[in-house]
Amino acid sequence: MEKPVKQAKSLTYFIVLDIVILVISILIPLMLVKANQTGSCLHHLEEDNGILWVVGRSFGFTTFIWFIISTLFGIKTKKLAKVLKSYKSARDLHCLNATIMIVVFLVHIGTLLGSEPWSDLIFDGEYNHIPYPLFLIKIWTGVLFGIIMVSVSGSAFYFRDLNKMKRFGFKKFIKLHYIMLSLSIILGIHIFLINTELLIIFWG
């Protein structure tokens, strides 16, 4: 009876830690991005959907934080299982982290699609905001890595079934994470091109 109680306490500790990190990972990027809106950038915030731009950009950083957390939990599942005294609990915790990451990523995408100026850029073709080649690279690096990130992280749900994991192979599952990490150069380009939004100050 003592062992299940310790497992429950350990899992609860990690869940509470997730909640604390989630709150921090939302609030700090939001404050920093909002404080970064300067110059002619401010006219976008006067629009009804201008605040979505701030939220969308900040949730991009939140997604990046949870991408790192989810990946680490996926790679370290065996070690985490030793701490939790349960492989199932370790997999459930990894799935929880993957879920958080996917949700904040969807918020990132959804708010940017509805924001000013990105709704104008994407739907109305107002490329005067930003040089068109940079705009395309920024969009497609984000889309491409987003698909890779969600696919690999989402596979954690499929492999919660231990039999499926055994058939596929734990080492192969880890390799998927390492392949994703090697492709994070795409994410690096996307993050670097966040600076292109500074060009909106001069073009917008």
C-alpha atoms as a PDB file:
ATOM      1  CA  MET A   1       0.000   0.000   0.000  1.00  0.00           C
ATOM      2  CA  GLU A   2       2.900   2.340   0.778  1.00  0.00           C
ATOM      3  CA  LYS A   3       4.361   2.065  -2.746  1.00  0.00           C
ATOM      4  CA  PRO A   4       1.211   3.300  -4.606  1.00  0.00           C
ATOM      5  CA  VAL A   5       0.965   6.220  -2.164  1.00  0.00           C
ATOM      6  CA  LYS A   6       4.583   7.228  -2.890  1.00  0.00           C
ATOM      7  CA  GLN A   7       3.930   6.892  -6.636  1.00  0.00           C
ATOM      8  CA  ALA A   8       0.865   9.132  -6.365  1.00  0.00           C
ATOM      9  CA  LYS A   9       2.789  11.764  -4.366  1.00  0.00           C
ATOM     10  CA  SER A  10       5.673  11.763  -6.851  1.00  0.00           C
ATOM     11  CA  LEU A  11       3.311  12.091  -9.824  1.00  0.00           C
ATOM     12  CA  THR A  12       1.381  14.874  -8.070  1.00  0.00           C
ATOM     13  CA  TYR A  13       4.664  16.718  -7.471  1.00  0.00           C
ATOM     14  CA  PHE A  14       5.515  16.639 -11.191  1.00  0.00           C
ATOM     15  CA  ILE A  15       1.988  17.694 -12.190  1.00  0.00           C
ATOM     16  CA  VAL A  16       2.096  20.676  -9.799  1.00  0.00           C
ATOM     17  CA  LEU A  17       5.544  21.529 -11.185  1.00  0.00           C
ATOM     18  CA  ASP A  18       4.087  21.411 -14.714  1.00  0.00           C
ATOM     19  CA  ILE A  19       1.331  23.832 -13.706  1.00  0.00           C
ATOM     20  CA  VAL A  20       3.818  26.264 -12.126  1.00  0.00           C
ATOM     21  CA  ILE A  21       6.108  26.121 -15.178  1.00  0.00           C
ATOM     22  CA  LEU A  22       3.108  26.558 -17.506  1.00  0.00           C
ATOM     23  CA  VAL A  23       1.997  29.741 -15.738  1.00  0.00           C
ATOM     24  CA  ILE A  24       5.540  31.141 -15.760  1.00  0.00           C
ATOM     25  CA  SER A  25       6.112  30.123 -19.409  1.00  0.00           C
ATOM     26  CA  ILE A  26       2.986  32.044 -20.418  1.00  0.00           C
ATOM     27  CA  LEU A  27       3.347  35.173 -18.288  1.00  0.00           C
ATOM     28  CA  ILE A  28       7.046  35.986 -18.783  1.00  0.00           C
ATOM     29  CA  PRO A  29       7.054  35.785 -22.632  1.00  0.00           C
ATOM     30  CA  LEU A  30       3.775  37.727 -22.676  1.00  0.00           C
ATOM     31  CA  MET A  31       5.243  40.538 -20.585  1.00  0.00           C
ATOM     32  CA  LEU A  32       8.479  40.626 -22.587  1.00  0.00           C
ATOM     33  CA  VAL A  33       6.767  40.616 -25.999  1.00  0.00           C
ATOM     34  CA  LYS A  34       4.274  43.270 -24.903  1.00  0.00           C
ATOM     35  CA  ALA A  35       7.124  45.440 -23.612  1.00  0.00           C
ATOM     36  CA  ASN A  36       8.878  45.015 -26.983  1.00  0.00           C
ATOM     37  CA  GLN A  37       6.085  46.672 -28.979  1.00  0.00           C
ATOM     38  CA  THR A  38       7.701  49.988 -29.862  1.00  0.00           C
ATOM     39  CA  GLY A  39       7.681  52.601 -32.585  1.00  0.00           C
ATOM     40  CA  SER A  40       5.169  52.299 -35.418  1.00  0.00           C
ATOM     41  CA  CYS A  41       4.561  48.696 -34.252  1.00  0.00           C
ATOM     42  CA  LEU A  42       2.155  50.203 -31.734  1.00  0.00           C
ATOM     43  CA  HIS A  43      -0.426  51.074 -34.377  1.00  0.00           C
ATOM     44  CA  HIS A  44      -1.173  47.346 -34.785  1.00  0.00           C
ATOM     45  CA  LEU A  45      -2.202  47.157 -31.137  1.00  0.00           C
ATOM     46  CA  GLU A  46      -4.856  49.806 -31.741  1.00  0.00           C
ATOM     47  CA  GLU A  47      -6.757  47.361 -33.940  1.00  0.00           C
ATOM     48  CA  ASP A  48      -9.426  45.136 -32.324  1.00  0.00           C
ATOM     49  CA  ASN A  49      -7.357  42.049 -33.092  1.00  0.00           C
ATOM     50  CA  GLY A  50      -4.004  43.727 -32.465  1.00  0.00           C
ATOM     51  CA  ILE A  51      -3.552  42.167 -29.028  1.00  0.00           C
ATOM     52  CA  LEU A  52      -3.678  38.740 -30.703  1.00  0.00           C
ATOM     53  CA  TRP A  53      -0.347  39.577 -32.306  1.00  0.00           C
ATOM     54  CA  VAL A  54       1.226  39.983 -28.869  1.00  0.00           C
ATOM     55  CA  VAL A  55      -0.415  36.810 -27.555  1.00  0.00           C
ATOM     56  CA  GLY A  56       0.521  34.840 -30.676  1.00  0.00           C
ATOM     57  CA  ARG A  57       4.168  35.872 -30.561  1.00  0.00           C
ATOM     58  CA  SER A  58       4.457  35.208 -26.823  1.00  0.00           C
ATOM     59  CA  PHE A  59       2.892  31.764 -27.182  1.00  0.00           C
ATOM     60  CA  GLY A  60       5.537  30.997 -29.782  1.00  0.00           C
ATOM     61  CA  PHE A  61       8.125  31.269 -27.008  1.00  0.00           C
ATOM     62  CA  THR A  62       5.849  29.272 -24.687  1.00  0.00           C
ATOM     63  CA  THR A  63       5.677  26.546 -27.333  1.00  0.00           C
ATOM     64  CA  PHE A  64       9.468  26.501 -27.584  1.00  0.00           C
ATOM     65  CA  ILE A  65       9.769  26.068 -23.809  1.00  0.00           C
ATOM     66  CA  TRP A  66       7.333  23.142 -23.809  1.00  0.00           C
ATOM     67  CA  PHE A  67       8.984  21.631 -26.858  1.00  0.00           C
ATOM     68  CA  ILE A  68      12.177  21.370 -24.810  1.00  0.00           C
ATOM     69  CA  ILE A  69      10.347  20.035 -21.735  1.00  0.00           C
ATOM     70  CA  SER A  70       8.327  17.477 -23.682  1.00  0.00           C
ATOM     71  CA  THR A  71      11.393  16.272 -25.602  1.00  0.00           C
ATOM     72  CA  LEU A  72      13.459  15.850 -22.435  1.00  0.00           C
ATOM     73  CA  PHE A  73      10.665  13.930 -20.717  1.00  0.00           C
ATOM     74  CA  GLY A  74      10.351  11.708 -23.775  1.00  0.00           C
ATOM     75  CA  ILE A  75      14.057  10.930 -23.916  1.00  0.00           C
ATOM     76  CA  LYS A  76      14.347  10.431 -20.143  1.00  0.00           C
ATOM     77  CA  THR A  77      11.207   8.293 -19.720  1.00  0.00           C
ATOM     78  CA  LYS A  78      13.142   5.320 -18.309  1.00  0.00           C
ATOM     79  CA  LYS A  79      14.951   7.444 -15.723  1.00  0.00           C
ATOM     80  CA  LEU A  80      11.705   9.188 -14.842  1.00  0.00           C
ATOM     81  CA  ALA A  81      10.054   5.793 -14.393  1.00  0.00           C
ATOM     82  CA  LYS A  82      12.652   4.957 -11.737  1.00  0.00           C
ATOM     83  CA  VAL A  83      11.837   8.172  -9.880  1.00  0.00           C
ATOM     84  CA  LEU A  84       8.082   7.572 -10.095  1.00  0.00           C
ATOM     85  CA  LYS A  85       8.464   3.817  -9.509  1.00  0.00           C
ATOM     86  CA  SER A  86       6.141   3.307 -12.442  1.00  0.00           C
ATOM     87  CA  TYR A  87       6.784   3.205 -16.181  1.00  0.00           C
ATOM     88  CA  LYS A  88       3.105   3.921 -16.853  1.00  0.00           C
ATOM     89  CA  SER A  89       3.204   7.086 -14.737  1.00  0.00           C
ATOM     90  CA  ALA A  90       6.333   8.234 -16.581  1.00  0.00           C
ATOM     91  CA  ARG A  91       4.616   7.726 -19.951  1.00  0.00           C
ATOM     92  CA  ASP A  92       1.473   9.480 -18.709  1.00  0.00           C
ATOM     93  CA  LEU A  93       3.556  12.447 -17.574  1.00  0.00           C
ATOM     94  CA  HIS A  94       5.294  12.628 -20.940  1.00  0.00           C
ATOM     95  CA  CYS A  95       1.880  12.572 -22.644  1.00  0.00           C
ATOM     96  CA  LEU A  96       0.728  15.391 -20.367  1.00  0.00           C
ATOM     97  CA  ASN A  97       3.739  17.495 -21.353  1.00  0.00           C
ATOM     98  CA  ALA A  98       3.180  16.688 -25.030  1.00  0.00           C
ATOM     99  CA  THR A  99      -0.482  17.720 -24.655  1.00  0.00           C
ATOM    100  CA  ILE A 100       0.468  21.056 -23.089  1.00  0.00           C
ATOM    101  CA  MET A 101       2.971  21.691 -25.879  1.00  0.00           C
ATOM    102  CA  ILE A 102       0.455  20.898 -28.621  1.00  0.00           C
ATOM    103  CA  VAL A 103      -2.228  23.091 -27.008  1.00  0.00           C
ATOM    104  CA  VAL A 104       0.055  26.132 -26.614  1.00  0.00           C
ATOM    105  CA  PHE A 105       1.283  25.576 -30.186  1.00  0.00           C
ATOM    106  CA  LEU A 106      -2.315  25.663 -31.450  1.00  0.00           C
ATOM    107  CA  VAL A 107      -2.912  28.869 -29.468  1.00  0.00           C
ATOM    108  CA  HIS A 108       0.255  30.293 -31.071  1.00  0.00           C
ATOM    109  CA  ILE A 109      -1.020  29.474 -34.573  1.00  0.00           C
ATOM    110  CA  GLY A 110      -4.648  30.442 -33.961  1.00  0.00           C
ATOM    111  CA  THR A 111      -3.943  33.836 -32.418  1.00  0.00           C
ATOM    112  CA  LEU A 112      -1.438  34.784 -35.118  1.00  0.00           C
ATOM    113  CA  LEU A 113      -3.876  33.815 -37.886  1.00  0.00           C
ATOM    114  CA  GLY A 114      -6.464  36.120 -36.364  1.00  0.00           C
ATOM    115  CA  SER A 115      -4.058  38.925 -35.504  1.00  0.00           C
ATOM    116  CA  GLU A 116      -3.192  42.233 -37.074  1.00  0.00           C
ATOM    117  CA  PRO A 117      -0.879  42.373 -39.057  1.00  0.00           C
ATOM    118  CA  TRP A 118      -0.545  38.638 -39.791  1.00  0.00           C
ATOM    119  CA  SER A 119      -4.121  38.188 -40.952  1.00  0.00           C
ATOM    120  CA  ASP A 120      -3.436  40.939 -43.512  1.00  0.00           C
ATOM    121  CA  LEU A 121      -0.162  39.288 -44.541  1.00  0.00           C
ATOM    122  CA  ILE A 122      -1.609  35.799 -44.923  1.00  0.00           C
ATOM    123  CA  PHE A 123      -5.148  36.401 -46.143  1.00  0.00           C
ATOM    124  CA  ASP A 124      -5.022  39.805 -47.824  1.00  0.00           C
ATOM    125  CA  GLY A 125      -1.549  39.643 -49.328  1.00  0.00           C
ATOM    126  CA  GLU A 126      -0.390  42.925 -47.833  1.00  0.00           C
ATOM    127  CA  TYR A 127       3.279  42.079 -48.241  1.00  0.00           C
ATOM    128  CA  ASN A 128       4.297  45.690 -47.869  1.00  0.00           C
ATOM    129  CA  HIS A 129       4.521  44.894 -44.171  1.00  0.00           C
ATOM    130  CA  ILE A 130       7.527  42.669 -44.664  1.00  0.00           C
ATOM    131  CA  PRO A 131       9.779  41.497 -47.548  1.00  0.00           C
ATOM    132  CA  TYR A 132       7.902  38.655 -49.237  1.00  0.00           C
ATOM    133  CA  PRO A 133      10.795  36.088 -49.334  1.00  0.00           C
ATOM    134  CA  LEU A 134      11.395  36.524 -45.603  1.00  0.00           C
ATOM    135  CA  PHE A 135       7.678  36.209 -44.984  1.00  0.00           C
ATOM    136  CA  LEU A 136       7.506  32.881 -46.858  1.00  0.00           C
ATOM    137  CA  ILE A 137      10.588  31.456 -45.131  1.00  0.00           C
ATOM    138  CA  LYS A 138       9.262  32.473 -41.722  1.00  0.00           C
ATOM    139  CA  ILE A 139       5.848  30.907 -42.373  1.00  0.00           C
ATOM    140  CA  TRP A 140       7.030  27.637 -43.915  1.00  0.00           C
ATOM    141  CA  THR A 141       9.844  26.946 -41.445  1.00  0.00           C
ATOM    142  CA  GLY A 142       7.249  27.336 -38.691  1.00  0.00           C
ATOM    143  CA  VAL A 143       4.699  25.143 -40.465  1.00  0.00           C
ATOM    144  CA  LEU A 144       7.235  22.436 -41.347  1.00  0.00           C
ATOM    145  CA  PHE A 145       8.776  22.158 -37.918  1.00  0.00           C
ATOM    146  CA  GLY A 146       5.346  22.435 -36.304  1.00  0.00           C
ATOM    147  CA  ILE A 147       4.204  19.342 -38.235  1.00  0.00           C
ATOM    148  CA  ILE A 148       7.373  17.437 -37.245  1.00  0.00           C
ATOM    149  CA  MET A 149       7.098  18.535 -33.611  1.00  0.00           C
ATOM    150  CA  VAL A 150       3.421  17.641 -33.227  1.00  0.00           C
ATOM    151  CA  SER A 151       3.855  14.318 -35.052  1.00  0.00           C
ATOM    152  CA  VAL A 152       6.773  13.110 -32.922  1.00  0.00           C
ATOM    153  CA  SER A 153       5.354  14.409 -29.660  1.00  0.00           C
ATOM    154  CA  GLY A 154       1.893  13.115 -30.522  1.00  0.00           C
ATOM    155  CA  SER A 155       3.347   9.645 -31.085  1.00  0.00           C
ATOM    156  CA  ALA A 156       3.787   9.439 -27.314  1.00  0.00           C
ATOM    157  CA  PHE A 157       0.031   8.859 -27.069  1.00  0.00           C
ATOM    158  CA  TYR A 158       0.194   5.944 -29.499  1.00  0.00           C
ATOM    159  CA  PHE A 159       3.137   4.404 -27.675  1.00  0.00           C
ATOM    160  CA  ARG A 160       1.473   4.625 -24.272  1.00  0.00           C
ATOM    161  CA  ASP A 161       0.489   1.059 -25.084  1.00  0.00           C
ATOM    162  CA  LEU A 162       3.552  -0.846 -23.895  1.00  0.00           C
ATOM    163  CA  ASN A 163       3.001  -3.642 -26.431  1.00  0.00           C
ATOM    164  CA  LYS A 164       3.073  -1.118 -29.283  1.00  0.00           C
ATOM    165  CA  MET A 165       6.218   0.426 -27.828  1.00  0.00           C
ATOM    166  CA  LYS A 166       7.889  -2.983 -27.600  1.00  0.00           C
ATOM    167  CA  ARG A 167       6.953  -3.829 -31.191  1.00  0.00           C
ATOM    168  CA  PHE A 168       8.248  -0.513 -32.461  1.00  0.00           C
ATOM    169  CA  GLY A 169      11.291  -0.473 -30.199  1.00  0.00           C
ATOM    170  CA  PHE A 170      12.146   1.998 -27.462  1.00  0.00           C
ATOM    171  CA  LYS A 171      15.487   2.817 -29.108  1.00  0.00           C
ATOM    172  CA  LYS A 172      13.703   3.684 -32.366  1.00  0.00           C
ATOM    173  CA  PHE A 173      11.324   5.889 -30.423  1.00  0.00           C
ATOM    174  CA  ILE A 174      14.300   7.717 -28.901  1.00  0.00           C
ATOM    175  CA  LYS A 175      15.847   8.038 -32.378  1.00  0.00           C
ATOM    176  CA  LEU A 176      12.684   9.823 -33.535  1.00  0.00           C
ATOM    177  CA  HIS A 177      13.321  12.424 -30.862  1.00  0.00           C
ATOM    178  CA  TYR A 178      16.944  12.796 -31.895  1.00  0.00           C
ATOM    179  CA  ILE A 179      15.930  13.177 -35.557  1.00  0.00           C
ATOM    180  CA  MET A 180      13.489  15.874 -34.484  1.00  0.00           C
ATOM    181  CA  LEU A 181      16.253  17.574 -32.504  1.00  0.00           C
ATOM    182  CA  SER A 182      18.594  17.439 -35.508  1.00  0.00           C
ATOM    183  CA  LEU A 183      15.887  19.078 -37.597  1.00  0.00           C
ATOM    184  CA  SER A 184      15.508  21.818 -34.998  1.00  0.00           C
ATOM    185  CA  ILE A 185      17.776  23.889 -37.250  1.00  0.00           C
ATOM    186  CA  ILE A 186      14.501  24.611 -39.053  1.00  0.00           C
ATOM    187  CA  LEU A 187      13.118  25.892 -35.773  1.00  0.00           C
ATOM    188  CA  GLY A 188      16.286  27.932 -35.295  1.00  0.00           C
ATOM    189  CA  ILE A 189      15.691  29.653 -38.642  1.00  0.00           C
ATOM    190  CA  HIS A 190      12.075  30.333 -37.684  1.00  0.00           C
ATOM    191  CA  ILE A 191      13.075  31.813 -34.334  1.00  0.00           C
ATOM    192  CA  PHE A 192      15.827  33.885 -35.959  1.00  0.00           C
ATOM    193  CA  LEU A 193      13.289  35.275 -38.395  1.00  0.00           C
ATOM    194  CA  ILE A 194      11.179  36.456 -35.486  1.00  0.00           C
ATOM    195  CA  ASN A 195      13.466  39.446 -35.835  1.00  0.00           C
ATOM    196  CA  THR A 196      11.850  40.099 -39.208  1.00  0.00           C
ATOM    197  CA  GLU A 197       8.859  41.337 -37.250  1.00  0.00           C
ATOM    198  CA  LEU A 198      11.093  44.210 -36.258  1.00  0.00           C
ATOM    199  CA  LEU A 199      11.020  45.097 -39.952  1.00  0.00           C
ATOM    200  CA  ILE A 200       7.322  45.759 -39.527  1.00  0.00           C
ATOM    201  CA  ILE A 201       8.387  48.765 -37.460  1.00  0.00           C
ATOM    202  CA  PHE A 202      10.038  50.182 -40.583  1.00  0.00           C
ATOM    203  CA  TRP A 203       7.706  48.796 -43.285  1.00  0.00           C
ATOM    204  CA  GLY A 204       4.401  48.907 -41.382  1.00  0.00           C
END
